[in-house]
């Protein structure tokens, strides 16, 4: 495409009008344009007028030629690929401030930010106007104060190179930092958005530039944040120290809110105030803090449990001894004797738990033996049979195996007791059926491992999906104030200690609501031995 006409406007009956430039034929013109055809034609016209012409296809080449040569005038297209002639002009003025710069544009509108250029003409005005404008700029340069000597030019060049190097280092830091760096103008429109901000917020830089900062803030916090930035612009202080970051929530492109830490600073550029906010995604730190708080709560609960366990040891011994004597009474009926023995088994489990809590139980005291899951289930049902009858709950036993496993009986009994009690609590709201299914099975995650699977199912109200993802966390309970949130957490730990697994599935669909806990326990497992 021919951007620069070869012939200007001619008066009627005359040929093309050319400006005579015999007085300035020795001057050097640097022409910069990314359009090869336009650049070549423009150079030919200027050479025909006696100028020495240097050419460059982009801003980088233009700056290099400008530094390396004695140039009298620069003629540059406004648009140079990703850069503009006005950007290049700003950098050239730092090197040689007295060299006039003429900007050309394909439109008749004067480009914005043209203060570093000395003149502007539209390409549509033709060669005559171009040559006339160059002549005007050369005349102005001749009448201007003497330009600095070579040594000063060198100093400026070195200073400029140092500035460019510093800018490059700063740009590299901004681009590579792990923190989001966002700069907004006085209207709080985004003018800088680094790579970390793209990663953290999920917006592409080309989509977010020029957008209001509100897009990165949850709707409920936008007004307060706008006021905070406005107050900072007026007073230079924030609601807290500059060195004490604000804690607030950010908004990702998918609508997710997340915690961030923000520090704000103010700079002035091109006569306007800019605000730079450094943001750090502290999601992982918050999670770590929550885990630490959970650990502290667990430690506190452990200390409290140890104190309680210590205090009940003496009465426990008395109860154990009393049951021992009652068991040997000849007047007991068979039914009473069975109840006493069930009470003794449960009491021994309580004693073991208090020992573990106090740290009295060594690894070798955890007796691993052949255990019948069916017998443990019957023991638990014997204790809670009355509650099931009160709730009119029908208990279905589906025992399809009599296999035994290697386990610590008291710990497996505790797991089964937790699951059956949870089912009973659910059935106290709605439902009337408890099904306990025991059968030989395989580990669903490793089909080579065989063992016994126990499923405890109820047709109660069910558990919500979000709750299902958290029910094995410590202190999380679906029972409100009635639950401690420790039962399933402890059960999971005990099952894993036996090399097994525990899973849950649940539904809240009306007419098909209910929950099933499935526990797999392997036939053989290598238990850890204390070192």
Protein backbone atom coordinates (compact mmCIF):
# COMPACT_ATOMS: atom_id res chain seq x y z
CA UNK A 1 0.00 0.00 0.00
CA UNK A 2 1.42 3.41 -1.04
CA UNK A 3 1.16 5.60 2.09
CA UNK A 4 3.10 8.68 0.92
CA UNK A 5 2.07 10.33 -2.43
CA UNK A 6 4.95 10.99 -4.76
CA UNK A 7 3.41 14.18 -6.12
CA UNK A 8 1.90 17.00 -4.13
CA UNK A 9 -0.96 19.27 -5.09
CA UNK A 10 -0.16 21.19 -8.29
CA UNK A 11 -1.63 24.51 -9.32
CA UNK A 12 -3.52 24.61 -12.56
CA UNK A 13 -1.23 24.54 -15.59
CA UNK A 14 1.93 23.85 -13.64
CA UNK A 15 3.98 20.75 -12.75
CA UNK A 16 4.64 19.33 -9.28
CA UNK A 17 5.87 21.85 -6.72
CA UNK A 18 9.05 20.82 -4.86
CA UNK A 19 10.73 22.78 -2.12
CA UNK A 20 14.35 23.58 -2.91
CA UNK A 21 16.65 22.42 -0.10
CA UNK A 22 20.09 23.28 -1.53
CA UNK A 23 21.11 24.95 1.73
CA UNK A 24 20.58 21.82 3.80
CA UNK A 25 21.61 19.09 1.43
CA UNK A 26 24.30 17.80 3.79
CA UNK A 27 21.85 17.07 6.64
CA UNK A 28 21.12 13.50 7.85
CA UNK A 29 17.56 12.29 8.25
CA UNK A 30 16.67 9.12 10.21
CA UNK A 31 13.43 7.58 8.87
CA UNK A 32 11.66 4.93 10.97
CA UNK A 33 8.66 2.94 9.69
CA UNK A 34 7.60 -0.71 9.95
CA UNK A 35 6.02 -0.54 6.47
CA UNK A 36 8.89 -1.40 4.09
CA UNK A 37 7.31 0.08 0.95
CA UNK A 38 6.41 3.38 2.61
CA UNK A 39 9.87 3.61 4.18
CA UNK A 40 11.64 3.01 0.85
CA UNK A 41 9.57 5.64 -1.03
CA UNK A 42 10.01 8.23 1.72
CA UNK A 43 13.78 7.67 1.72
CA UNK A 44 13.92 8.05 -2.08
CA UNK A 45 12.10 11.39 -1.93
CA UNK A 46 14.41 12.76 0.76
CA UNK A 47 17.55 11.51 -1.00
CA UNK A 48 16.33 13.22 -4.19
CA UNK A 49 16.32 16.45 -2.18
CA UNK A 50 19.97 15.92 -1.22
CA UNK A 51 19.53 14.52 2.31
CA UNK A 52 21.56 11.63 3.68
CA UNK A 53 18.93 9.12 4.79
CA UNK A 54 19.23 6.40 7.42
CA UNK A 55 16.36 3.90 7.72
CA UNK A 56 15.06 1.61 10.47
CA UNK A 57 12.13 -0.82 10.52
CA UNK A 58 11.26 -0.63 14.21
CA UNK A 59 11.84 1.37 17.39
CA UNK A 60 14.77 -0.76 18.54
CA UNK A 61 16.62 -0.31 15.23
CA UNK A 62 15.75 3.37 15.24
CA UNK A 63 17.23 3.90 18.71
CA UNK A 64 20.37 2.00 17.74
CA UNK A 65 20.89 4.13 14.61
CA UNK A 66 20.13 7.29 16.59
CA UNK A 67 22.79 6.48 19.19
CA UNK A 68 25.42 5.47 16.66
CA UNK A 69 25.11 8.31 14.14
CA UNK A 70 25.00 12.06 13.95
CA UNK A 71 21.35 12.73 13.08
CA UNK A 72 19.82 16.12 12.30
CA UNK A 73 16.12 15.17 12.11
CA UNK A 74 14.11 12.05 12.92
CA UNK A 75 11.03 11.25 10.84
CA UNK A 76 8.99 8.41 12.33
CA UNK A 77 5.69 6.72 11.71
CA UNK A 78 3.42 6.86 14.74
CA UNK A 79 2.65 3.12 14.90
CA UNK A 80 5.69 0.86 15.02
CA UNK A 81 4.33 -2.61 15.70
CA UNK A 82 3.99 -3.03 19.48
CA UNK A 83 5.57 0.40 20.13
CA UNK A 84 4.81 3.93 19.00
CA UNK A 85 6.90 6.69 17.54
CA UNK A 86 6.06 8.87 20.55
CA UNK A 87 7.49 6.22 22.92
CA UNK A 88 10.67 6.13 20.84
CA UNK A 89 10.78 9.93 20.78
CA UNK A 90 10.74 10.05 24.58
CA UNK A 91 13.80 7.81 24.76
CA UNK A 92 15.59 9.70 21.98
CA UNK A 93 15.12 13.01 23.82
CA UNK A 94 16.94 11.56 26.81
CA UNK A 95 19.91 10.85 24.54
CA UNK A 96 19.98 13.95 22.30
CA UNK A 97 17.38 16.49 23.39
CA UNK A 98 18.17 19.03 20.63
CA UNK A 99 17.49 16.72 17.69
CA UNK A 100 14.02 17.54 16.28
CA UNK A 101 11.58 14.66 15.83
CA UNK A 102 8.70 14.64 13.34
CA UNK A 103 5.84 12.17 13.77
CA UNK A 104 3.79 10.97 10.78
CA UNK A 105 0.38 9.34 10.97
CA UNK A 106 -2.07 7.84 8.53
CA UNK A 107 -4.84 9.88 10.16
CA UNK A 108 -5.37 13.62 10.49
CA UNK A 109 -5.78 13.43 14.27
CA UNK A 110 -2.79 14.35 16.40
CA UNK A 111 -1.69 11.29 18.43
CA UNK A 112 -1.88 11.46 22.20
CA UNK A 113 1.31 11.88 24.24
CA UNK A 114 3.11 13.78 21.48
CA UNK A 115 4.90 16.21 23.82
CA UNK A 116 8.29 14.53 23.18
CA UNK A 117 7.99 15.13 19.43
CA UNK A 118 8.65 18.51 17.78
CA UNK A 119 6.12 18.26 14.98
CA UNK A 120 3.32 16.24 13.43
CA UNK A 121 1.87 15.94 9.93
CA UNK A 122 -0.54 13.56 8.30
CA UNK A 123 0.84 11.26 5.62
CA UNK A 124 -2.02 12.41 3.43
CA UNK A 125 -0.53 15.90 3.15
CA UNK A 126 2.11 14.70 0.65
CA UNK A 127 5.87 15.06 0.09
CA UNK A 128 5.87 18.87 -0.20
CA UNK A 129 4.48 19.30 3.31
CA UNK A 130 6.92 16.68 4.63
CA UNK A 131 9.94 18.50 3.13
CA UNK A 132 8.62 21.87 4.25
CA UNK A 133 8.15 20.61 7.82
CA UNK A 134 11.67 19.16 7.88
CA UNK A 135 13.05 22.50 6.67
CA UNK A 136 11.13 24.29 9.43
CA UNK A 137 12.48 21.95 12.11
CA UNK A 138 16.05 22.36 10.85
CA UNK A 139 15.72 26.14 10.98
CA UNK A 140 14.39 25.96 14.54
CA UNK A 141 17.30 23.72 15.51
CA UNK A 142 19.82 26.21 14.04
CA UNK A 143 18.36 29.08 16.05
CA UNK A 144 18.12 27.05 19.26
CA UNK A 145 20.87 27.28 21.93
CA UNK A 146 24.07 25.39 21.15
CA UNK A 147 23.76 21.67 21.71
CA UNK A 148 25.86 20.07 24.46
CA UNK A 149 29.40 19.01 23.62
CA UNK A 150 30.36 15.43 22.91
CA UNK A 151 31.34 14.71 26.49
CA UNK A 152 27.92 15.83 27.75
CA UNK A 153 26.27 13.75 25.04
CA UNK A 154 28.21 10.76 26.25
CA UNK A 155 27.17 11.43 29.83
CA UNK A 156 23.55 11.63 28.73
CA UNK A 157 23.94 8.43 26.75
CA UNK A 158 25.45 6.61 29.73
CA UNK A 159 22.72 7.93 32.01
CA UNK A 160 20.11 6.87 29.50
CA UNK A 161 21.60 3.38 29.20
CA UNK A 162 21.66 3.06 32.98
CA UNK A 163 18.02 4.16 33.07
CA UNK A 164 17.07 1.62 30.40
CA UNK A 165 18.97 -1.10 32.27
CA UNK A 166 17.24 -0.19 35.53
CA UNK A 167 13.86 -0.16 33.78
CA UNK A 168 14.58 -3.58 32.28
CA UNK A 169 15.56 -4.99 35.66
CA UNK A 170 12.46 -3.49 37.27
CA UNK A 171 10.25 -4.85 34.49
CA UNK A 172 11.81 -8.29 34.99
CA UNK A 173 11.15 -8.15 38.74
CA UNK A 174 7.54 -7.05 38.22
CA UNK A 175 6.99 -9.80 35.65
CA UNK A 176 8.58 -12.63 37.63
CA UNK A 177 7.51 -11.88 41.20
CA UNK A 178 5.13 -14.36 42.86
CA UNK A 179 3.02 -11.49 44.21
CA UNK A 180 0.34 -9.78 42.14
CA UNK A 181 1.32 -6.21 41.25
CA UNK A 182 -1.55 -4.06 40.02
CA UNK A 183 -1.43 -0.36 39.22
CA UNK A 184 -4.58 1.75 38.87
CA UNK A 185 -5.13 5.38 37.88
CA UNK A 186 -7.09 8.02 39.81
CA UNK A 187 -10.34 6.60 38.46
CA UNK A 188 -9.20 3.17 39.79
CA UNK A 189 -8.89 1.71 36.30
CA UNK A 190 -6.25 -0.98 35.93
CA UNK A 191 -3.19 0.16 33.95
CA UNK A 192 -0.69 -2.56 34.97
CA UNK A 193 -1.38 -6.23 35.65
CA UNK A 194 1.64 -8.51 35.99
CA UNK A 195 1.94 -12.25 35.27
CA UNK A 196 1.40 -13.23 38.91
CA UNK A 197 -1.85 -11.22 38.93
CA UNK A 198 -2.99 -13.16 35.85
CA UNK A 199 -2.23 -16.45 37.60
CA UNK A 200 -3.80 -15.50 40.93
CA UNK A 201 -6.97 -13.82 39.66
CA UNK A 202 -7.44 -15.85 36.45
CA UNK A 203 -7.83 -12.82 34.12
CA UNK A 204 -5.76 -12.31 30.97
CA UNK A 205 -3.90 -9.01 30.95
CA UNK A 206 -5.39 -7.96 27.61
CA UNK A 207 -8.91 -8.47 29.03
CA UNK A 208 -8.38 -6.65 32.33
CA UNK A 209 -6.42 -3.52 31.36
CA UNK A 210 -8.65 -0.45 31.49
CA UNK A 211 -11.23 -2.29 33.62
CA UNK A 212 -12.24 -1.01 37.08
CA UNK A 213 -10.44 -2.50 40.07
CA UNK A 214 -13.90 -3.55 41.33
CA UNK A 215 -13.69 -6.63 39.08
CA UNK A 216 -11.12 -8.08 41.49
CA UNK A 217 -13.08 -7.39 44.68
CA UNK A 218 -16.24 -9.12 46.03
CA UNK A 219 -19.32 -6.95 45.53
CA UNK A 220 -19.95 -6.40 49.23
CA UNK A 221 -16.47 -4.95 49.81
CA UNK A 222 -16.19 -2.68 46.74
CA UNK A 223 -17.53 0.54 48.24
CA UNK A 224 -15.26 0.28 51.28
CA UNK A 225 -12.22 -0.43 49.11
CA UNK A 226 -12.92 2.51 46.77
CA UNK A 227 -13.17 4.77 49.82
CA UNK A 228 -9.93 3.35 51.21
CA UNK A 229 -7.99 4.12 48.01
CA UNK A 230 -9.60 7.58 47.71
CA UNK A 231 -8.67 8.46 51.31
CA UNK A 232 -5.15 7.25 50.72
CA UNK A 233 -4.86 9.47 47.64
CA UNK A 234 -6.03 12.51 49.63
CA UNK A 235 -4.11 11.97 52.87
CA UNK A 236 -1.23 9.65 51.91
CA UNK A 237 -2.10 7.30 54.77
CA UNK A 238 -4.19 4.16 54.97
CA UNK A 239 -6.47 2.94 57.74
CA UNK A 240 -3.38 1.18 59.06
CA UNK A 241 0.36 1.53 58.65
CA UNK A 242 1.84 1.37 55.15
CA UNK A 243 4.07 -1.42 56.45
CA UNK A 244 1.12 -3.36 57.86
CA UNK A 245 -0.72 -5.04 54.96
CA UNK A 246 -4.51 -5.01 54.82
CA UNK A 247 -6.30 -8.34 55.00
CA UNK A 248 -9.24 -8.62 52.60
CA UNK A 249 -10.84 -10.96 50.10
CA UNK A 250 -10.14 -11.06 46.39
CA UNK A 251 -12.41 -12.31 43.60
CA UNK A 252 -11.13 -14.74 40.96
CA UNK A 253 -12.46 -14.77 37.41
CA UNK A 254 -14.59 -17.86 38.21
CA UNK A 255 -16.33 -16.06 41.10
CA UNK A 256 -14.36 -17.72 43.90
CA UNK A 257 -13.47 -15.49 46.85
CA UNK A 258 -10.07 -15.98 48.47
CA UNK A 259 -8.03 -14.24 51.20
CA UNK A 260 -5.33 -11.75 50.18
CA UNK A 261 -2.87 -9.45 51.87
CA UNK A 262 -2.54 -6.01 50.26
CA UNK A 263 -0.04 -3.15 50.50
CA UNK A 264 -0.71 0.12 48.65
CA UNK A 265 1.66 2.87 47.52
CA UNK A 266 1.30 6.03 45.43
CA UNK A 267 3.44 7.38 42.59
CA UNK A 268 3.11 10.28 40.14
CA UNK A 269 3.64 9.66 36.43
CA UNK A 270 2.88 11.87 33.45
CA UNK A 271 1.21 14.37 35.77
CA UNK A 272 -1.30 11.98 37.27
CA UNK A 273 -1.50 9.93 40.45
CA UNK A 274 -1.14 6.18 40.17
CA UNK A 275 -1.73 3.65 42.92
CA UNK A 276 0.21 0.42 42.99
CA UNK A 277 -1.18 -2.44 45.05
CA UNK A 278 0.96 -5.47 45.88
CA UNK A 279 -1.29 -8.44 46.61
CA UNK A 280 -0.36 -11.82 48.07
CA UNK A 281 -2.63 -14.86 47.89
CA UNK A 282 -2.63 -16.18 51.47
CA UNK A 283 -5.06 -19.07 50.90
CA UNK A 284 -2.45 -21.70 51.82
CA UNK A 285 -1.30 -19.70 54.84
CA UNK A 286 -4.89 -19.45 56.08
CA UNK A 287 -5.30 -23.20 55.66
CA UNK A 288 -2.08 -23.80 57.58
CA UNK A 289 -3.31 -21.50 60.36
CA UNK A 290 -6.61 -23.39 60.51
CA UNK A 291 -4.73 -26.70 60.74
CA UNK A 292 -2.57 -25.23 63.51
CA UNK A 293 -5.68 -24.12 65.39
CA UNK A 294 -7.13 -27.62 64.98
CA UNK A 295 -3.90 -29.10 66.32
CA UNK A 296 -4.02 -26.74 69.29
CA UNK A 297 -7.63 -27.72 69.97
CA UNK A 298 -6.70 -31.40 69.71
CA UNK A 299 -3.81 -30.91 72.10
CA UNK A 300 -6.08 -29.09 74.54
CA UNK A 301 -8.70 -31.81 74.23
CA UNK A 302 -5.99 -34.42 74.79
CA UNK A 303 -4.81 -32.72 77.96
CA UNK A 304 -8.37 -32.45 79.23
CA UNK A 305 -9.07 -36.09 78.37
CA UNK A 306 -5.90 -37.17 80.18
CA UNK A 307 -6.99 -35.27 83.28
CA UNK A 308 -10.46 -36.83 83.18
CA UNK A 309 -9.02 -40.30 82.54
CA UNK A 310 -6.68 -39.95 85.52
CA UNK A 311 -9.55 -38.97 87.79
CA UNK A 312 -11.77 -41.91 86.78
CA UNK A 313 -9.12 -44.63 87.11
CA UNK A 314 -9.83 -45.29 90.79
CA UNK A 315 -13.62 -45.62 90.41
CA UNK A 316 -13.05 -47.78 87.33
CA UNK A 317 -11.00 -50.20 89.37
CA UNK A 318 -13.83 -50.44 91.91
CA UNK A 319 -16.39 -51.18 89.17
CA UNK A 320 -14.11 -53.83 87.63
CA UNK A 321 -13.69 -55.52 91.00
CA UNK A 322 -17.43 -55.37 91.76
CA UNK A 323 -18.32 -56.99 88.43
CA UNK A 324 -15.69 -59.65 89.04
CA UNK A 325 -17.39 -60.58 92.32
CA UNK A 326 -20.90 -60.44 90.85
CA UNK A 327 -19.85 -62.75 88.02
CA UNK A 328 -18.96 -65.42 90.56
CA UNK A 329 -22.28 -65.23 92.38
CA UNK A 330 -24.11 -68.62 92.12
CA UNK A 331 -27.52 -66.90 92.26
CA UNK A 332 -27.12 -65.25 88.83
CA UNK A 333 -29.36 -66.41 86.00
CA UNK A 334 -27.81 -67.12 82.61
CA UNK A 335 -29.25 -63.89 81.20
CA UNK A 336 -27.83 -61.84 84.09
CA UNK A 337 -24.48 -63.54 83.73
CA UNK A 338 -24.37 -62.64 80.00
CA UNK A 339 -25.16 -59.01 80.82
CA UNK A 340 -22.40 -58.89 83.45
CA UNK A 341 -19.88 -60.31 80.98
CA UNK A 342 -20.94 -57.78 78.32
CA UNK A 343 -20.49 -55.03 80.90
CA UNK A 344 -17.03 -56.40 81.73
CA UNK A 345 -15.99 -56.38 78.07
CA UNK A 346 -17.16 -52.80 77.58
CA UNK A 347 -15.51 -51.77 80.82
CA UNK A 348 -12.23 -53.28 79.71
CA UNK A 349 -12.46 -51.14 76.60
CA UNK A 350 -12.98 -48.02 78.74
CA UNK A 351 -9.95 -48.99 80.82
CA UNK A 352 -7.88 -49.42 77.65
CA UNK A 353 -8.98 -46.00 76.32
CA UNK A 354 -8.01 -44.29 79.58
CA UNK A 355 -4.63 -46.03 79.44
CA UNK A 356 -4.05 -44.85 75.90
CA UNK A 357 -5.11 -41.34 76.84
CA UNK A 358 -2.69 -41.22 79.74
CA UNK A 359 0.12 -42.71 77.70
CA UNK A 360 0.32 -45.80 79.91
CA UNK A 361 -0.29 -48.23 77.06
CA UNK A 362 2.89 -49.44 75.35
CA UNK A 363 2.80 -50.89 71.83
CA UNK A 364 3.10 -54.46 73.12
CA UNK A 365 0.01 -53.95 75.32
CA UNK A 366 -2.11 -53.63 72.16
CA UNK A 367 -2.86 -57.32 71.96
CA UNK A 368 -3.42 -58.45 68.39
CA UNK A 369 -5.50 -61.62 68.17
CA UNK A 370 -8.03 -63.40 65.99
CA UNK A 371 -11.21 -61.39 66.26
CA UNK A 372 -14.73 -62.23 65.09
CA UNK A 373 -16.47 -59.11 63.69
CA UNK A 374 -19.83 -60.87 64.26
CA UNK A 375 -19.19 -61.25 68.00
CA UNK A 376 -18.12 -57.61 68.32
CA UNK A 377 -21.27 -56.45 66.50
CA UNK A 378 -23.51 -58.53 68.75
CA UNK A 379 -21.82 -57.06 71.84
CA UNK A 380 -22.50 -53.54 70.61
CA UNK A 381 -26.12 -54.33 69.65
CA UNK A 382 -26.70 -55.81 73.10
CA UNK A 383 -25.80 -52.47 74.66
CA UNK A 384 -27.92 -50.37 72.30
CA UNK A 385 -30.81 -52.78 71.80
CA UNK A 386 -33.05 -50.86 74.16
CA UNK A 387 -32.50 -47.59 72.30
CA UNK A 388 -33.34 -49.30 68.98
CA UNK A 389 -36.54 -50.67 70.41
CA UNK A 390 -37.51 -47.27 71.81
CA UNK A 391 -37.08 -45.77 68.33
CA UNK A 392 -39.01 -48.66 66.72
CA UNK A 393 -35.97 -49.38 64.57
CA UNK A 394 -35.82 -52.75 62.83
CA UNK A 395 -32.29 -54.18 62.93
CA UNK A 396 -31.44 -56.51 60.05
CA UNK A 397 -28.40 -58.76 60.37
CA UNK A 398 -26.94 -59.93 57.06
CA UNK A 399 -24.06 -62.07 58.21
CA UNK A 400 -22.62 -63.91 55.21
CA UNK A 401 -19.30 -64.96 56.74
CA UNK A 402 -17.83 -66.17 60.01
CA UNK A 403 -14.28 -65.24 59.03
CA UNK A 404 -11.99 -63.78 61.65
CA UNK A 405 -9.38 -61.06 61.28
CA UNK A 406 -6.13 -60.23 63.05
CA UNK A 407 -6.95 -57.11 65.05
CA UNK A 408 -7.05 -55.35 68.40
CA UNK A 409 -10.55 -56.26 69.57
CA UNK A 410 -11.17 -53.14 71.67
CA UNK A 411 -10.26 -50.79 68.83
CA UNK A 412 -12.47 -52.51 66.24
CA UNK A 413 -15.29 -52.63 68.77
CA UNK A 414 -14.92 -48.86 69.20
CA UNK A 415 -15.20 -48.33 65.43
CA UNK A 416 -18.34 -50.49 65.15
CA UNK A 417 -19.85 -48.80 68.21
CA UNK A 418 -19.30 -45.32 66.70
CA UNK A 419 -20.97 -46.31 63.41
CA UNK A 420 -23.97 -47.99 65.06
CA UNK A 421 -24.48 -45.10 67.51
CA UNK A 422 -24.31 -42.58 64.62
CA UNK A 423 -26.92 -44.60 62.72
CA UNK A 424 -29.17 -44.68 65.80
CA UNK A 425 -28.84 -40.88 66.19
CA UNK A 426 -29.79 -40.40 62.53
CA UNK A 427 -32.79 -42.71 62.90
CA UNK A 428 -34.00 -40.69 65.88
CA UNK A 429 -34.88 -37.96 63.32
CA UNK A 430 -36.50 -40.12 60.66
CA UNK A 431 -36.32 -43.68 59.35
CA UNK A 432 -36.92 -47.09 60.88
CA UNK A 433 -34.33 -49.49 59.49
CA UNK A 434 -30.73 -50.42 60.33
CA UNK A 435 -28.96 -53.02 58.18
CA UNK A 436 -25.59 -54.50 59.20
CA UNK A 437 -24.01 -56.51 56.37
CA UNK A 438 -20.86 -58.58 56.95
CA UNK A 439 -19.19 -60.51 54.13
CA UNK A 440 -15.82 -61.57 52.70
CA UNK A 441 -14.51 -58.94 50.31
CA UNK A 442 -11.46 -57.38 48.70
CA UNK A 443 -9.87 -53.98 49.15
CA UNK A 444 -11.47 -51.90 46.38
CA UNK A 445 -8.23 -49.98 45.87
CA UNK A 446 -6.08 -53.16 45.79
CA UNK A 447 -7.93 -56.26 44.58
CA UNK A 448 -5.12 -58.55 45.72
CA UNK A 449 -5.90 -57.85 49.39
CA UNK A 450 -8.68 -59.89 50.94
CA UNK A 451 -10.55 -59.38 54.18
CA UNK A 452 -13.94 -58.76 55.75
CA UNK A 453 -16.22 -55.86 54.89
CA UNK A 454 -18.77 -54.49 57.36
CA UNK A 455 -21.41 -52.07 56.11
CA UNK A 456 -23.70 -50.17 58.45
CA UNK A 457 -26.69 -48.71 56.59
CA UNK A 458 -29.68 -46.67 57.76
CA UNK A 459 -32.65 -45.05 56.03
CA UNK A 460 -32.33 -41.85 58.04
CA UNK A 461 -32.27 -38.28 56.66
CA UNK A 462 -28.88 -38.64 54.91
CA UNK A 463 -25.82 -36.39 54.87
CA UNK A 464 -25.28 -33.45 52.52
CA UNK A 465 -22.51 -33.62 49.91
CA UNK A 466 -20.44 -30.83 51.49
CA UNK A 467 -20.72 -32.47 54.89
CA UNK A 468 -19.64 -35.84 53.45
CA UNK A 469 -16.34 -34.29 52.39
CA UNK A 470 -15.64 -33.21 55.98
CA UNK A 471 -17.15 -35.81 58.32
CA UNK A 472 -13.78 -37.45 59.00
CA UNK A 473 -12.21 -34.13 60.07
CA UNK A 474 -11.64 -33.59 63.81
CA UNK A 475 -14.28 -31.46 65.55
CA UNK A 476 -16.62 -31.50 62.55
CA UNK A 477 -20.05 -32.83 63.49
CA UNK A 478 -23.42 -33.08 61.76
CA UNK A 479 -25.11 -33.30 65.18
CA UNK A 480 -24.65 -29.70 66.22
CA UNK A 481 -24.00 -29.28 69.92
CA UNK A 482 -24.84 -32.94 70.54
CA UNK A 483 -21.69 -34.18 68.82
CA UNK A 484 -17.99 -33.77 69.62
CA UNK A 485 -16.82 -34.25 66.04
CA UNK A 486 -14.23 -36.82 67.16
CA UNK A 487 -16.00 -40.19 66.69
CA UNK A 488 -15.49 -40.65 62.94
CA UNK A 489 -12.05 -39.04 63.05
CA UNK A 490 -10.94 -41.59 65.66
CA UNK A 491 -12.65 -44.40 63.74
CA UNK A 492 -10.79 -43.50 60.56
CA UNK A 493 -7.46 -43.51 62.45
CA UNK A 494 -8.16 -46.92 64.04
CA UNK A 495 -9.23 -48.50 60.74
CA UNK A 496 -6.09 -47.18 58.98
CA UNK A 497 -3.98 -48.52 61.85
CA UNK A 498 -5.38 -51.97 60.98
CA UNK A 499 -4.53 -51.51 57.29
CA UNK A 500 -8.16 -51.04 56.32
CA UNK A 501 -10.31 -48.31 54.84
CA UNK A 502 -13.63 -46.63 55.56
CA UNK A 503 -15.97 -45.02 53.04
CA UNK A 504 -19.33 -43.31 53.12
CA UNK A 505 -22.12 -42.69 50.65
CA UNK A 506 -25.35 -40.92 51.40
CA UNK A 507 -28.50 -39.53 49.81
CA UNK A 508 -31.03 -36.92 50.80
CA UNK A 509 -33.50 -37.72 48.02
CA UNK A 510 -36.97 -37.97 49.50
CA UNK A 511 -38.11 -41.60 49.68
CA UNK A 512 -34.55 -42.86 49.09
CA UNK A 513 -32.62 -41.05 51.82
CA UNK A 514 -30.07 -42.80 53.99
CA UNK A 515 -26.40 -43.37 54.71
CA UNK A 516 -24.03 -46.33 54.34
CA UNK A 517 -20.62 -46.62 56.00
CA UNK A 518 -18.44 -49.38 54.58
CA UNK A 519 -15.40 -50.63 56.53
CA UNK A 520 -12.83 -53.00 55.02
CA UNK A 521 -10.51 -54.90 57.38
CA UNK A 522 -7.84 -57.21 55.91
CA UNK A 523 -7.36 -60.78 57.12
CA UNK A 524 -3.65 -60.13 57.67
CA UNK A 525 -1.87 -56.90 58.51
CA UNK A 526 1.62 -56.06 59.72
CA UNK A 527 1.12 -53.88 62.78
CA UNK A 528 3.72 -51.26 63.67
CA UNK A 529 6.00 -52.09 66.55
CA UNK A 530 7.41 -49.35 68.75
CA UNK A 531 11.14 -48.71 68.30
